[in-house]
Amino acid sequence: LALRLCALGLELDRLLQAWAPDCVAVEEIYFTKNAKTAIGVA
């Protein structure tokens, strides 16, 4: 998971640099019955 989160961060940095957004809109977590999935998404 640590490597996956690192990869996500690197790609996000690339997107932020390429698109230069004024703001970021993020969906909050929808809690499901699977706690392990919810924690990873969090």
PDB file of all heavy atoms in Angstrom:
ATOM      1  N   LEU A   1       0.826  -1.203   0.000  1.00  0.00           N
ATOM      2  CA  LEU A   1       0.000   0.000   0.000  1.00  0.00           C
ATOM      3  C   LEU A   1       0.865   1.260   0.000  1.00  0.00           C
ATOM      4  O   LEU A   1       0.561   2.233  -0.704  1.00  0.00           O
ATOM      5  CB  LEU A   1      -0.961   0.012   1.191  1.00  0.00           C
ATOM      6  CG  LEU A   1      -1.904   1.207   1.265  1.00  0.00           C
ATOM      7  CD1 LEU A   1      -2.786   1.313   0.020  1.00  0.00           C
ATOM      8  CD2 LEU A   1      -2.750   1.130   2.531  1.00  0.00           C
ATOM      9  N   ALA A   2       1.968   1.239   0.731  1.00  0.00           N
ATOM     10  CA  ALA A   2       2.845   2.410   0.780  1.00  0.00           C
ATOM     11  C   ALA A   2       3.358   2.776  -0.619  1.00  0.00           C
ATOM     12  O   ALA A   2       3.401   3.952  -0.988  1.00  0.00           O
ATOM     13  CB  ALA A   2       4.017   2.161   1.728  1.00  0.00           C
ATOM     14  N   LEU A   3       3.719   1.771  -1.402  1.00  0.00           N
ATOM     15  CA  LEU A   3       4.200   2.031  -2.759  1.00  0.00           C
ATOM     16  C   LEU A   3       3.070   2.541  -3.657  1.00  0.00           C
ATOM     17  O   LEU A   3       3.282   3.395  -4.507  1.00  0.00           O
ATOM     18  CB  LEU A   3       4.818   0.759  -3.350  1.00  0.00           C
ATOM     19  CG  LEU A   3       6.109   0.281  -2.681  1.00  0.00           C
ATOM     20  CD1 LEU A   3       6.534  -1.066  -3.249  1.00  0.00           C
ATOM     21  CD2 LEU A   3       7.208   1.316  -2.838  1.00  0.00           C
ATOM     22  N   ARG A   4       1.885   2.001  -3.444  1.00  0.00           N
ATOM     23  CA  ARG A   4       0.737   2.456  -4.240  1.00  0.00           C
ATOM     24  C   ARG A   4       0.405   3.908  -3.920  1.00  0.00           C
ATOM     25  O   ARG A   4       0.111   4.706  -4.820  1.00  0.00           O
ATOM     26  CB  ARG A   4      -0.465   1.557  -3.990  1.00  0.00           C
ATOM     27  CG  ARG A   4      -0.225   0.131  -4.483  1.00  0.00           C
ATOM     28  CD  ARG A   4      -1.318  -0.795  -4.102  1.00  0.00           C
ATOM     29  NE  ARG A   4      -2.349  -0.765  -5.133  1.00  0.00           N
ATOM     30  CZ  ARG A   4      -3.354  -1.604  -5.171  1.00  0.00           C
ATOM     31  NH1 ARG A   4      -3.521  -2.512  -4.229  1.00  0.00           N
ATOM     32  NH2 ARG A   4      -4.242  -1.533  -6.139  1.00  0.00           N
ATOM     33  N   LEU A   5       0.458   4.270  -2.644  1.00  0.00           N
ATOM     34  CA  LEU A   5       0.178   5.652  -2.250  1.00  0.00           C
ATOM     35  C   LEU A   5       1.267   6.601  -2.766  1.00  0.00           C
ATOM     36  O   LEU A   5       0.976   7.719  -3.190  1.00  0.00           O
ATOM     37  CB  LEU A   5       0.040   5.761  -0.730  1.00  0.00           C
ATOM     38  CG  LEU A   5      -1.161   5.028  -0.128  1.00  0.00           C
ATOM     39  CD1 LEU A   5      -1.100   5.072   1.399  1.00  0.00           C
ATOM     40  CD2 LEU A   5      -2.468   5.580  -0.649  1.00  0.00           C
ATOM     41  N   CYS A   6       2.494   6.131  -2.768  1.00  0.00           N
ATOM     42  CA  CYS A   6       3.595   6.930  -3.321  1.00  0.00           C
ATOM     43  C   CYS A   6       3.388   7.166  -4.810  1.00  0.00           C
ATOM     44  O   CYS A   6       3.538   8.285  -5.298  1.00  0.00           O
ATOM     45  CB  CYS A   6       4.928   6.232  -3.058  1.00  0.00           C
ATOM     46  SG  CYS A   6       6.353   7.137  -3.700  1.00  0.00           S
ATOM     47  N   ALA A   7       3.006   6.128  -5.536  1.00  0.00           N
ATOM     48  CA  ALA A   7       2.748   6.252  -6.979  1.00  0.00           C
ATOM     49  C   ALA A   7       1.599   7.225  -7.227  1.00  0.00           C
ATOM     50  O   ALA A   7       1.660   8.051  -8.147  1.00  0.00           O
ATOM     51  CB  ALA A   7       2.439   4.884  -7.583  1.00  0.00           C
ATOM     52  N   LEU A   8       0.571   7.139  -6.402  1.00  0.00           N
ATOM     53  CA  LEU A   8      -0.557   8.060  -6.517  1.00  0.00           C
ATOM     54  C   LEU A   8      -0.089   9.502  -6.308  1.00  0.00           C
ATOM     55  O   LEU A   8      -0.440  10.400  -7.074  1.00  0.00           O
ATOM     56  CB  LEU A   8      -1.648   7.703  -5.498  1.00  0.00           C
ATOM     57  CG  LEU A   8      -2.820   8.678  -5.376  1.00  0.00           C
ATOM     58  CD1 LEU A   8      -3.578   8.783  -6.692  1.00  0.00           C
ATOM     59  CD2 LEU A   8      -3.743   8.240  -4.241  1.00  0.00           C
ATOM     60  N   GLY A   9       0.731   9.714  -5.293  1.00  0.00           N
ATOM     61  CA  GLY A   9       1.250  11.059  -5.017  1.00  0.00           C
ATOM     62  C   GLY A   9       2.082  11.605  -6.162  1.00  0.00           C
ATOM     63  O   GLY A   9       1.957  12.787  -6.528  1.00  0.00           O
ATOM     64  N   LEU A  10       2.914  10.776  -6.740  1.00  0.00           N
ATOM     65  CA  LEU A  10       3.752  11.221  -7.858  1.00  0.00           C
ATOM     66  C   LEU A  10       2.897  11.606  -9.069  1.00  0.00           C
ATOM     67  O   LEU A  10       3.141  12.619  -9.717  1.00  0.00           O
ATOM     68  CB  LEU A  10       4.758  10.132  -8.238  1.00  0.00           C
ATOM     69  CG  LEU A  10       5.859   9.852  -7.212  1.00  0.00           C
ATOM     70  CD1 LEU A  10       6.650   8.610  -7.605  1.00  0.00           C
ATOM     71  CD2 LEU A  10       6.762  11.057  -7.041  1.00  0.00           C
ATOM     72  N   GLU A  11       1.886  10.790  -9.364  1.00  0.00           N
ATOM     73  CA  GLU A  11       0.999  11.104 -10.489  1.00  0.00           C
ATOM     74  C   GLU A  11       0.174  12.351 -10.207  1.00  0.00           C
ATOM     75  O   GLU A  11      -0.061  13.163 -11.099  1.00  0.00           O
ATOM     76  CB  GLU A  11       0.071   9.926 -10.793  1.00  0.00           C
ATOM     77  CG  GLU A  11       0.665   8.927 -11.735  1.00  0.00           C
ATOM     78  CD  GLU A  11       1.043   9.533 -13.079  1.00  0.00           C
ATOM     79  OE1 GLU A  11       0.173  10.081 -13.791  1.00  0.00           O
ATOM     80  OE2 GLU A  11       2.228   9.457 -13.430  1.00  0.00           O
ATOM     81  N   LEU A  12      -0.262  12.504  -8.975  1.00  0.00           N
ATOM     82  CA  LEU A  12      -1.024  13.692  -8.606  1.00  0.00           C
ATOM     83  C   LEU A  12      -0.163  14.942  -8.766  1.00  0.00           C
ATOM     84  O   LEU A  12      -0.627  15.967  -9.296  1.00  0.00           O
ATOM     85  CB  LEU A  12      -1.546  13.568  -7.178  1.00  0.00           C
ATOM     86  CG  LEU A  12      -2.440  14.713  -6.728  1.00  0.00           C
ATOM     87  CD1 LEU A  12      -3.694  14.808  -7.587  1.00  0.00           C
ATOM     88  CD2 LEU A  12      -2.813  14.551  -5.270  1.00  0.00           C
ATOM     89  N   ASP A  13       1.085  14.875  -8.335  1.00  0.00           N
ATOM     90  CA  ASP A  13       1.996  16.010  -8.519  1.00  0.00           C
ATOM     91  C   ASP A  13       2.133  16.359 -10.001  1.00  0.00           C
ATOM     92  O   ASP A  13       2.151  17.539 -10.369  1.00  0.00           O
ATOM     93  CB  ASP A  13       3.380  15.703  -7.938  1.00  0.00           C
ATOM     94  CG  ASP A  13       3.409  15.716  -6.425  1.00  0.00           C
ATOM     95  OD1 ASP A  13       2.483  16.278  -5.803  1.00  0.00           O
ATOM     96  OD2 ASP A  13       4.372  15.144  -5.858  1.00  0.00           O
ATOM     97  N   ARG A  14       2.219  15.326 -10.840  1.00  0.00           N
ATOM     98  CA  ARG A  14       2.325  15.555 -12.279  1.00  0.00           C
ATOM     99  C   ARG A  14       1.072  16.250 -12.808  1.00  0.00           C
ATOM    100  O   ARG A  14       1.156  17.200 -13.586  1.00  0.00           O
ATOM    101  CB  ARG A  14       2.552  14.222 -13.005  1.00  0.00           C
ATOM    102  CG  ARG A  14       2.879  14.353 -14.487  1.00  0.00           C
ATOM    103  CD  ARG A  14       2.915  13.008 -15.179  1.00  0.00           C
ATOM    104  NE  ARG A  14       1.638  12.322 -15.218  1.00  0.00           N
ATOM    105  CZ  ARG A  14       0.598  12.696 -15.978  1.00  0.00           C
ATOM    106  NH1 ARG A  14       0.682  13.737 -16.759  1.00  0.00           N
ATOM    107  NH2 ARG A  14      -0.535  12.015 -15.947  1.00  0.00           N
ATOM    108  N   LEU A  15      -0.096  15.806 -12.365  1.00  0.00           N
ATOM    109  CA  LEU A  15      -1.350  16.432 -12.796  1.00  0.00           C
ATOM    110  C   LEU A  15      -1.449  17.882 -12.322  1.00  0.00           C
ATOM    111  O   LEU A  15      -1.870  18.767 -13.080  1.00  0.00           O
ATOM    112  CB  LEU A  15      -2.555  15.656 -12.261  1.00  0.00           C
ATOM    113  CG  LEU A  15      -2.847  14.305 -12.888  1.00  0.00           C
ATOM    114  CD1 LEU A  15      -3.958  13.598 -12.118  1.00  0.00           C
ATOM    115  CD2 LEU A  15      -3.221  14.464 -14.350  1.00  0.00           C
ATOM    116  N   LEU A  16      -1.074  18.123 -11.078  1.00  0.00           N
ATOM    117  CA  LEU A  16      -1.137  19.484 -10.534  1.00  0.00           C
ATOM    118  C   LEU A  16      -0.222  20.419 -11.312  1.00  0.00           C
ATOM    119  O   LEU A  16      -0.581  21.566 -11.589  1.00  0.00           O
ATOM    120  CB  LEU A  16      -0.778  19.483  -9.045  1.00  0.00           C
ATOM    121  CG  LEU A  16      -1.771  18.792  -8.118  1.00  0.00           C
ATOM    122  CD1 LEU A  16      -1.194  18.650  -6.714  1.00  0.00           C
ATOM    123  CD2 LEU A  16      -3.096  19.538  -8.087  1.00  0.00           C
ATOM    124  N   GLN A  17       0.936  19.925 -11.683  1.00  0.00           N
ATOM    125  CA  GLN A  17       1.875  20.744 -12.447  1.00  0.00           C
ATOM    126  C   GLN A  17       1.391  20.945 -13.883  1.00  0.00           C
ATOM    127  O   GLN A  17       1.434  22.053 -14.413  1.00  0.00           O
ATOM    128  CB  GLN A  17       3.262  20.117 -12.430  1.00  0.00           C
ATOM    129  CG  GLN A  17       4.316  21.020 -13.044  1.00  0.00           C
ATOM    130  CD  GLN A  17       5.710  20.479 -12.814  1.00  0.00           C
ATOM    131  OE1 GLN A  17       5.929  19.268 -12.833  1.00  0.00           O
ATOM    132  NE2 GLN A  17       6.653  21.374 -12.600  1.00  0.00           N
ATOM    133  N   ALA A  18       0.908  19.894 -14.508  1.00  0.00           N
ATOM    134  CA  ALA A  18       0.487  19.979 -15.911  1.00  0.00           C
ATOM    135  C   ALA A  18      -0.755  20.839 -16.102  1.00  0.00           C
ATOM    136  O   ALA A  18      -0.845  21.595 -17.075  1.00  0.00           O
ATOM    137  CB  ALA A  18       0.229  18.565 -16.458  1.00  0.00           C
ATOM    138  N   TRP A  19      -1.727  20.726 -15.189  1.00  0.00           N
ATOM    139  CA  TRP A  19      -3.002  21.420 -15.373  1.00  0.00           C
ATOM    140  C   TRP A  19      -3.099  22.732 -14.608  1.00  0.00           C
ATOM    141  O   TRP A  19      -3.973  23.550 -14.897  1.00  0.00           O
ATOM    142  CB  TRP A  19      -4.165  20.506 -14.983  1.00  0.00           C
ATOM    143  CG  TRP A  19      -4.348  19.385 -15.945  1.00  0.00           C
ATOM    144  CD1 TRP A  19      -3.971  18.084 -15.780  1.00  0.00           C
ATOM    145  CD2 TRP A  19      -4.949  19.455 -17.239  1.00  0.00           C
ATOM    146  NE1 TRP A  19      -4.307  17.343 -16.893  1.00  0.00           N
ATOM    147  CE2 TRP A  19      -4.913  18.172 -17.804  1.00  0.00           C
ATOM    148  CE3 TRP A  19      -5.521  20.490 -17.984  1.00  0.00           C
ATOM    149  CZ2 TRP A  19      -5.421  17.878 -19.066  1.00  0.00           C
ATOM    150  CZ3 TRP A  19      -6.032  20.204 -19.233  1.00  0.00           C
ATOM    151  CH2 TRP A  19      -5.974  18.919 -19.766  1.00  0.00           C
ATOM    152  N   ALA A  20      -2.237  22.945 -13.626  1.00  0.00           N
ATOM    153  CA  ALA A  20      -2.228  24.171 -12.820  1.00  0.00           C
ATOM    154  C   ALA A  20      -3.638  24.605 -12.411  1.00  0.00           C
ATOM    155  O   ALA A  20      -4.091  25.697 -12.736  1.00  0.00           O
ATOM    156  CB  ALA A  20      -1.513  25.291 -13.573  1.00  0.00           C
ATOM    157  N   PRO A  21      -4.354  23.732 -11.680  1.00  0.00           N
ATOM    158  CA  PRO A  21      -5.720  24.098 -11.287  1.00  0.00           C
ATOM    159  C   PRO A  21      -5.732  25.216 -10.247  1.00  0.00           C
ATOM    160  O   PRO A  21      -4.762  25.400  -9.495  1.00  0.00           O
ATOM    161  CB  PRO A  21      -6.258  22.798 -10.686  1.00  0.00           C
ATOM    162  CG  PRO A  21      -5.050  22.096 -10.167  1.00  0.00           C
ATOM    163  CD  PRO A  21      -3.952  22.436 -11.134  1.00  0.00           C
ATOM    164  N   ASP A  22      -6.834  25.952 -10.216  1.00  0.00           N
ATOM    165  CA  ASP A  22      -7.028  26.981  -9.194  1.00  0.00           C
ATOM    166  C   ASP A  22      -7.472  26.351  -7.884  1.00  0.00           C
ATOM    167  O   ASP A  22      -7.265  26.918  -6.815  1.00  0.00           O
ATOM    168  CB  ASP A  22      -8.084  27.996  -9.659  1.00  0.00           C
ATOM    169  CG  ASP A  22      -7.625  28.714 -10.922  1.00  0.00           C
ATOM    170  OD1 ASP A  22      -6.579  29.380 -10.860  1.00  0.00           O
ATOM    171  OD2 ASP A  22      -8.304  28.587 -11.953  1.00  0.00           O
ATOM    172  N   CYS A  23      -8.133  25.212  -7.980  1.00  0.00           N
ATOM    173  CA  CYS A  23      -8.576  24.499  -6.791  1.00  0.00           C
ATOM    174  C   CYS A  23      -8.756  23.023  -7.121  1.00  0.00           C
ATOM    175  O   CYS A  23      -8.819  22.640  -8.287  1.00  0.00           O
ATOM    176  CB  CYS A  23      -9.874  25.091  -6.244  1.00  0.00           C
ATOM    177  SG  CYS A  23     -11.220  25.026  -7.405  1.00  0.00           S
ATOM    178  N   VAL A  24      -8.824  22.233  -6.055  1.00  0.00           N
ATOM    179  CA  VAL A  24      -9.046  20.799  -6.171  1.00  0.00           C
ATOM    180  C   VAL A  24     -10.340  20.482  -5.429  1.00  0.00           C
ATOM    181  O   VAL A  24     -10.522  20.915  -4.289  1.00  0.00           O
ATOM    182  CB  VAL A  24      -7.869  19.992  -5.573  1.00  0.00           C
ATOM    183  CG1 VAL A  24      -8.167  18.500  -5.568  1.00  0.00           C
ATOM    184  CG2 VAL A  24      -6.578  20.284  -6.333  1.00  0.00           C
ATOM    185  N   ALA A  25     -11.241  19.778  -6.077  1.00  0.00           N
ATOM    186  CA  ALA A  25     -12.491  19.329  -5.455  1.00  0.00           C
ATOM    187  C   ALA A  25     -12.386  17.828  -5.251  1.00  0.00           C
ATOM    188  O   ALA A  25     -12.131  17.086  -6.202  1.00  0.00           O
ATOM    189  CB  ALA A  25     -13.683  19.679  -6.342  1.00  0.00           C
ATOM    190  N   VAL A  26     -12.561  17.391  -4.013  1.00  0.00           N
ATOM    191  CA  VAL A  26     -12.364  15.985  -3.654  1.00  0.00           C
ATOM    192  C   VAL A  26     -13.643  15.417  -3.062  1.00  0.00           C
ATOM    193  O   VAL A  26     -14.277  16.063  -2.218  1.00  0.00           O
ATOM    194  CB  VAL A  26     -11.218  15.836  -2.625  1.00  0.00           C
ATOM    195  CG1 VAL A  26     -10.966  14.379  -2.279  1.00  0.00           C
ATOM    196  CG2 VAL A  26      -9.952  16.491  -3.120  1.00  0.00           C
ATOM    197  N   GLU A  27     -13.980  14.206  -3.494  1.00  0.00           N
ATOM    198  CA  GLU A  27     -15.133  13.539  -2.913  1.00  0.00           C
ATOM    199  C   GLU A  27     -14.754  12.983  -1.547  1.00  0.00           C
ATOM    200  O   GLU A  27     -13.683  12.400  -1.387  1.00  0.00           O
ATOM    201  CB  GLU A  27     -15.636  12.422  -3.822  1.00  0.00           C
ATOM    202  CG  GLU A  27     -16.951  11.844  -3.361  1.00  0.00           C
ATOM    203  CD  GLU A  27     -17.565  10.922  -4.395  1.00  0.00           C
ATOM    204  OE1 GLU A  27     -16.957   9.880  -4.688  1.00  0.00           O
ATOM    205  OE2 GLU A  27     -18.649  11.259  -4.889  1.00  0.00           O
ATOM    206  N   GLU A  28     -15.641  13.186  -0.592  1.00  0.00           N
ATOM    207  CA  GLU A  28     -15.439  12.603   0.723  1.00  0.00           C
ATOM    208  C   GLU A  28     -15.691  11.103   0.640  1.00  0.00           C
ATOM    209  O   GLU A  28     -16.262  10.613  -0.331  1.00  0.00           O
ATOM    210  CB  GLU A  28     -16.380  13.250   1.743  1.00  0.00           C
ATOM    211  CG  GLU A  28     -16.015  14.696   2.008  1.00  0.00           C
ATOM    212  CD  GLU A  28     -16.969  15.380   2.973  1.00  0.00           C
ATOM    213  OE1 GLU A  28     -18.020  14.796   3.323  1.00  0.00           O
ATOM    214  OE2 GLU A  28     -16.662  16.509   3.363  1.00  0.00           O
ATOM    215  N   ILE A  29     -15.308  10.391   1.664  1.00  0.00           N
ATOM    216  CA  ILE A  29     -15.413   8.938   1.652  1.00  0.00           C
ATOM    217  C   ILE A  29     -16.849   8.502   1.891  1.00  0.00           C
ATOM    218  O   ILE A  29     -17.529   9.015   2.775  1.00  0.00           O
ATOM    219  CB  ILE A  29     -14.504   8.321   2.726  1.00  0.00           C
ATOM    220  CG1 ILE A  29     -13.051   8.599   2.378  1.00  0.00           C
ATOM    221  CG2 ILE A  29     -14.742   6.825   2.851  1.00  0.00           C
ATOM    222  CD1 ILE A  29     -12.094   8.176   3.442  1.00  0.00           C
ATOM    223  N   TYR A  30     -17.262   7.557   1.081  1.00  0.00           N
ATOM    224  CA  TYR A  30     -18.537   6.884   1.289  1.00  0.00           C
ATOM    225  C   TYR A  30     -18.199   5.587   1.994  1.00  0.00           C
ATOM    226  O   TYR A  30     -17.502   4.734   1.443  1.00  0.00           O
ATOM    227  CB  TYR A  30     -19.236   6.607  -0.051  1.00  0.00           C
ATOM    228  CG  TYR A  30     -20.442   5.736   0.081  1.00  0.00           C
ATOM    229  CD1 TYR A  30     -21.636   6.266   0.551  1.00  0.00           C
ATOM    230  CD2 TYR A  30     -20.394   4.381  -0.237  1.00  0.00           C
ATOM    231  CE1 TYR A  30     -22.760   5.464   0.691  1.00  0.00           C
ATOM    232  CE2 TYR A  30     -21.512   3.579  -0.103  1.00  0.00           C
ATOM    233  CZ  TYR A  30     -22.684   4.118   0.360  1.00  0.00           C
ATOM    234  OH  TYR A  30     -23.793   3.332   0.502  1.00  0.00           O
ATOM    235  N   PHE A  31     -18.640   5.451   3.223  1.00  0.00           N
ATOM    236  CA  PHE A  31     -18.284   4.267   3.988  1.00  0.00           C
ATOM    237  C   PHE A  31     -19.097   3.059   3.546  1.00  0.00           C
ATOM    238  O   PHE A  31     -20.304   3.101   3.478  1.00  0.00           O
ATOM    239  CB  PHE A  31     -18.455   4.510   5.485  1.00  0.00           C
ATOM    240  CG  PHE A  31     -17.380   5.386   6.029  1.00  0.00           C
ATOM    241  CD1 PHE A  31     -17.590   6.739   6.182  1.00  0.00           C
ATOM    242  CD2 PHE A  31     -16.143   4.862   6.332  1.00  0.00           C
ATOM    243  CE1 PHE A  31     -16.593   7.557   6.660  1.00  0.00           C
ATOM    244  CE2 PHE A  31     -15.128   5.669   6.809  1.00  0.00           C
ATOM    245  CZ  PHE A  31     -15.352   7.021   6.979  1.00  0.00           C
ATOM    246  N   THR A  32     -18.369   2.016   3.229  1.00  0.00           N
ATOM    247  CA  THR A  32     -18.997   0.763   2.828  1.00  0.00           C
ATOM    248  C   THR A  32     -18.886  -0.222   3.982  1.00  0.00           C
ATOM    249  O   THR A  32     -18.357   0.105   5.041  1.00  0.00           O
ATOM    250  CB  THR A  32     -18.283   0.172   1.595  1.00  0.00           C
ATOM    251  OG1 THR A  32     -16.934  -0.148   1.976  1.00  0.00           O
ATOM    252  CG2 THR A  32     -18.270   1.144   0.438  1.00  0.00           C
ATOM    253  N   LYS A  33     -19.331  -1.414   3.757  1.00  0.00           N
ATOM    254  CA  LYS A  33     -19.246  -2.445   4.781  1.00  0.00           C
ATOM    255  C   LYS A  33     -17.827  -2.986   4.914  1.00  0.00           C
ATOM    256  O   LYS A  33     -17.484  -3.604   5.901  1.00  0.00           O
ATOM    257  CB  LYS A  33     -20.213  -3.579   4.453  1.00  0.00           C
ATOM    258  CG  LYS A  33     -21.652  -3.133   4.528  1.00  0.00           C
ATOM    259  CD  LYS A  33     -22.587  -4.233   4.118  1.00  0.00           C
ATOM    260  CE  LYS A  33     -24.014  -3.707   4.112  1.00  0.00           C
ATOM    261  NZ  LYS A  33     -24.969  -4.663   3.609  1.00  0.00           N
ATOM    262  N   ASN A  34     -16.980  -2.744   3.908  1.00  0.00           N
ATOM    263  CA  ASN A  34     -15.619  -3.262   3.921  1.00  0.00           C
ATOM    264  C   ASN A  34     -14.686  -2.213   4.537  1.00  0.00           C
ATOM    265  O   ASN A  34     -14.269  -1.275   3.875  1.00  0.00           O
ATOM    266  CB  ASN A  34     -15.183  -3.609   2.490  1.00  0.00           C
ATOM    267  CG  ASN A  34     -13.835  -4.286   2.452  1.00  0.00           C
ATOM    268  OD1 ASN A  34     -13.011  -4.131   3.348  1.00  0.00           O
ATOM    269  ND2 ASN A  34     -13.608  -5.041   1.398  1.00  0.00           N
ATOM    270  N   ALA A  35     -14.362  -2.382   5.805  1.00  0.00           N
ATOM    271  CA  ALA A  35     -13.533  -1.423   6.523  1.00  0.00           C
ATOM    272  C   ALA A  35     -12.131  -1.317   5.923  1.00  0.00           C
ATOM    273  O   ALA A  35     -11.562  -0.226   5.865  1.00  0.00           O
ATOM    274  CB  ALA A  35     -13.440  -1.801   7.999  1.00  0.00           C
ATOM    275  N   LYS A  36     -11.580  -2.433   5.462  1.00  0.00           N
ATOM    276  CA  LYS A  36     -10.231  -2.417   4.891  1.00  0.00           C
ATOM    277  C   LYS A  36     -10.191  -1.521   3.651  1.00  0.00           C
ATOM    278  O   LYS A  36      -9.276  -0.717   3.479  1.00  0.00           O
ATOM    279  CB  LYS A  36      -9.786  -3.834   4.530  1.00  0.00           C
ATOM    280  CG  LYS A  36      -8.366  -3.897   4.027  1.00  0.00           C
ATOM    281  CD  LYS A  36      -7.928  -5.322   3.754  1.00  0.00           C
ATOM    282  CE  LYS A  36      -6.508  -5.324   3.223  1.00  0.00           C
ATOM    283  NZ  LYS A  36      -6.067  -6.660   2.854  1.00  0.00           N
ATOM    284  N   THR A  37     -11.206  -1.616   2.791  1.00  0.00           N
ATOM    285  CA  THR A  37     -11.285  -0.755   1.605  1.00  0.00           C
ATOM    286  C   THR A  37     -11.446   0.699   2.019  1.00  0.00           C
ATOM    287  O   THR A  37     -10.785   1.585   1.471  1.00  0.00           O
ATOM    288  CB  THR A  37     -12.457  -1.187   0.699  1.00  0.00           C
ATOM    289  OG1 THR A  37     -12.217  -2.526   0.269  1.00  0.00           O
ATOM    290  CG2 THR A  37     -12.592  -0.287  -0.504  1.00  0.00           C
ATOM    291  N   ALA A  38     -12.303   0.962   2.991  1.00  0.00           N
ATOM    292  CA  ALA A  38     -12.538   2.341   3.441  1.00  0.00           C
ATOM    293  C   ALA A  38     -11.260   2.965   3.987  1.00  0.00           C
ATOM    294  O   ALA A  38     -10.972   4.139   3.711  1.00  0.00           O
ATOM    295  CB  ALA A  38     -13.643   2.371   4.492  1.00  0.00           C
ATOM    296  N   ILE A  39     -10.479   2.188   4.720  1.00  0.00           N
ATOM    297  CA  ILE A  39      -9.234   2.717   5.274  1.00  0.00           C
ATOM    298  C   ILE A  39      -8.242   3.026   4.150  1.00  0.00           C
ATOM    299  O   ILE A  39      -7.596   4.074   4.154  1.00  0.00           O
ATOM    300  CB  ILE A  39      -8.637   1.738   6.312  1.00  0.00           C
ATOM    301  CG1 ILE A  39      -9.535   1.726   7.559  1.00  0.00           C
ATOM    302  CG2 ILE A  39      -7.206   2.119   6.667  1.00  0.00           C
ATOM    303  CD1 ILE A  39      -9.224   0.620   8.535  1.00  0.00           C
ATOM    304  N   GLY A  40      -8.125   2.149   3.177  1.00  0.00           N
ATOM    305  CA  GLY A  40      -7.228   2.397   2.041  1.00  0.00           C
ATOM    306  C   GLY A  40      -7.646   3.627   1.260  1.00  0.00           C
ATOM    307  O   GLY A  40      -6.805   4.445   0.861  1.00  0.00           O
ATOM    308  N   VAL A  41      -8.941   3.792   1.036  1.00  0.00           N
ATOM    309  CA  VAL A  41      -9.445   4.969   0.310  1.00  0.00           C
ATOM    310  C   VAL A  41      -9.176   6.226   1.134  1.00  0.00           C
ATOM    311  O   VAL A  41      -8.793   7.268   0.591  1.00  0.00           O
ATOM    312  CB  VAL A  41     -10.933   4.815  -0.035  1.00  0.00           C
ATOM    313  CG1 VAL A  41     -11.498   6.103  -0.613  1.00  0.00           C
ATOM    314  CG2 VAL A  41     -11.132   3.674  -1.027  1.00  0.00           C
ATOM    315  N   ALA A  42      -9.348   6.135   2.448  1.00  0.00           N
ATOM    316  CA  ALA A  42      -9.073   7.281   3.319  1.00  0.00           C
ATOM    317  C   ALA A  42      -7.598   7.684   3.226  1.00  0.00           C
ATOM    318  O   ALA A  42      -7.265   8.876   3.196  1.00  0.00           O
ATOM    319  CB  ALA A  42      -9.447   6.958   4.757  1.00  0.00           C
TER     320      ALA A  42
END
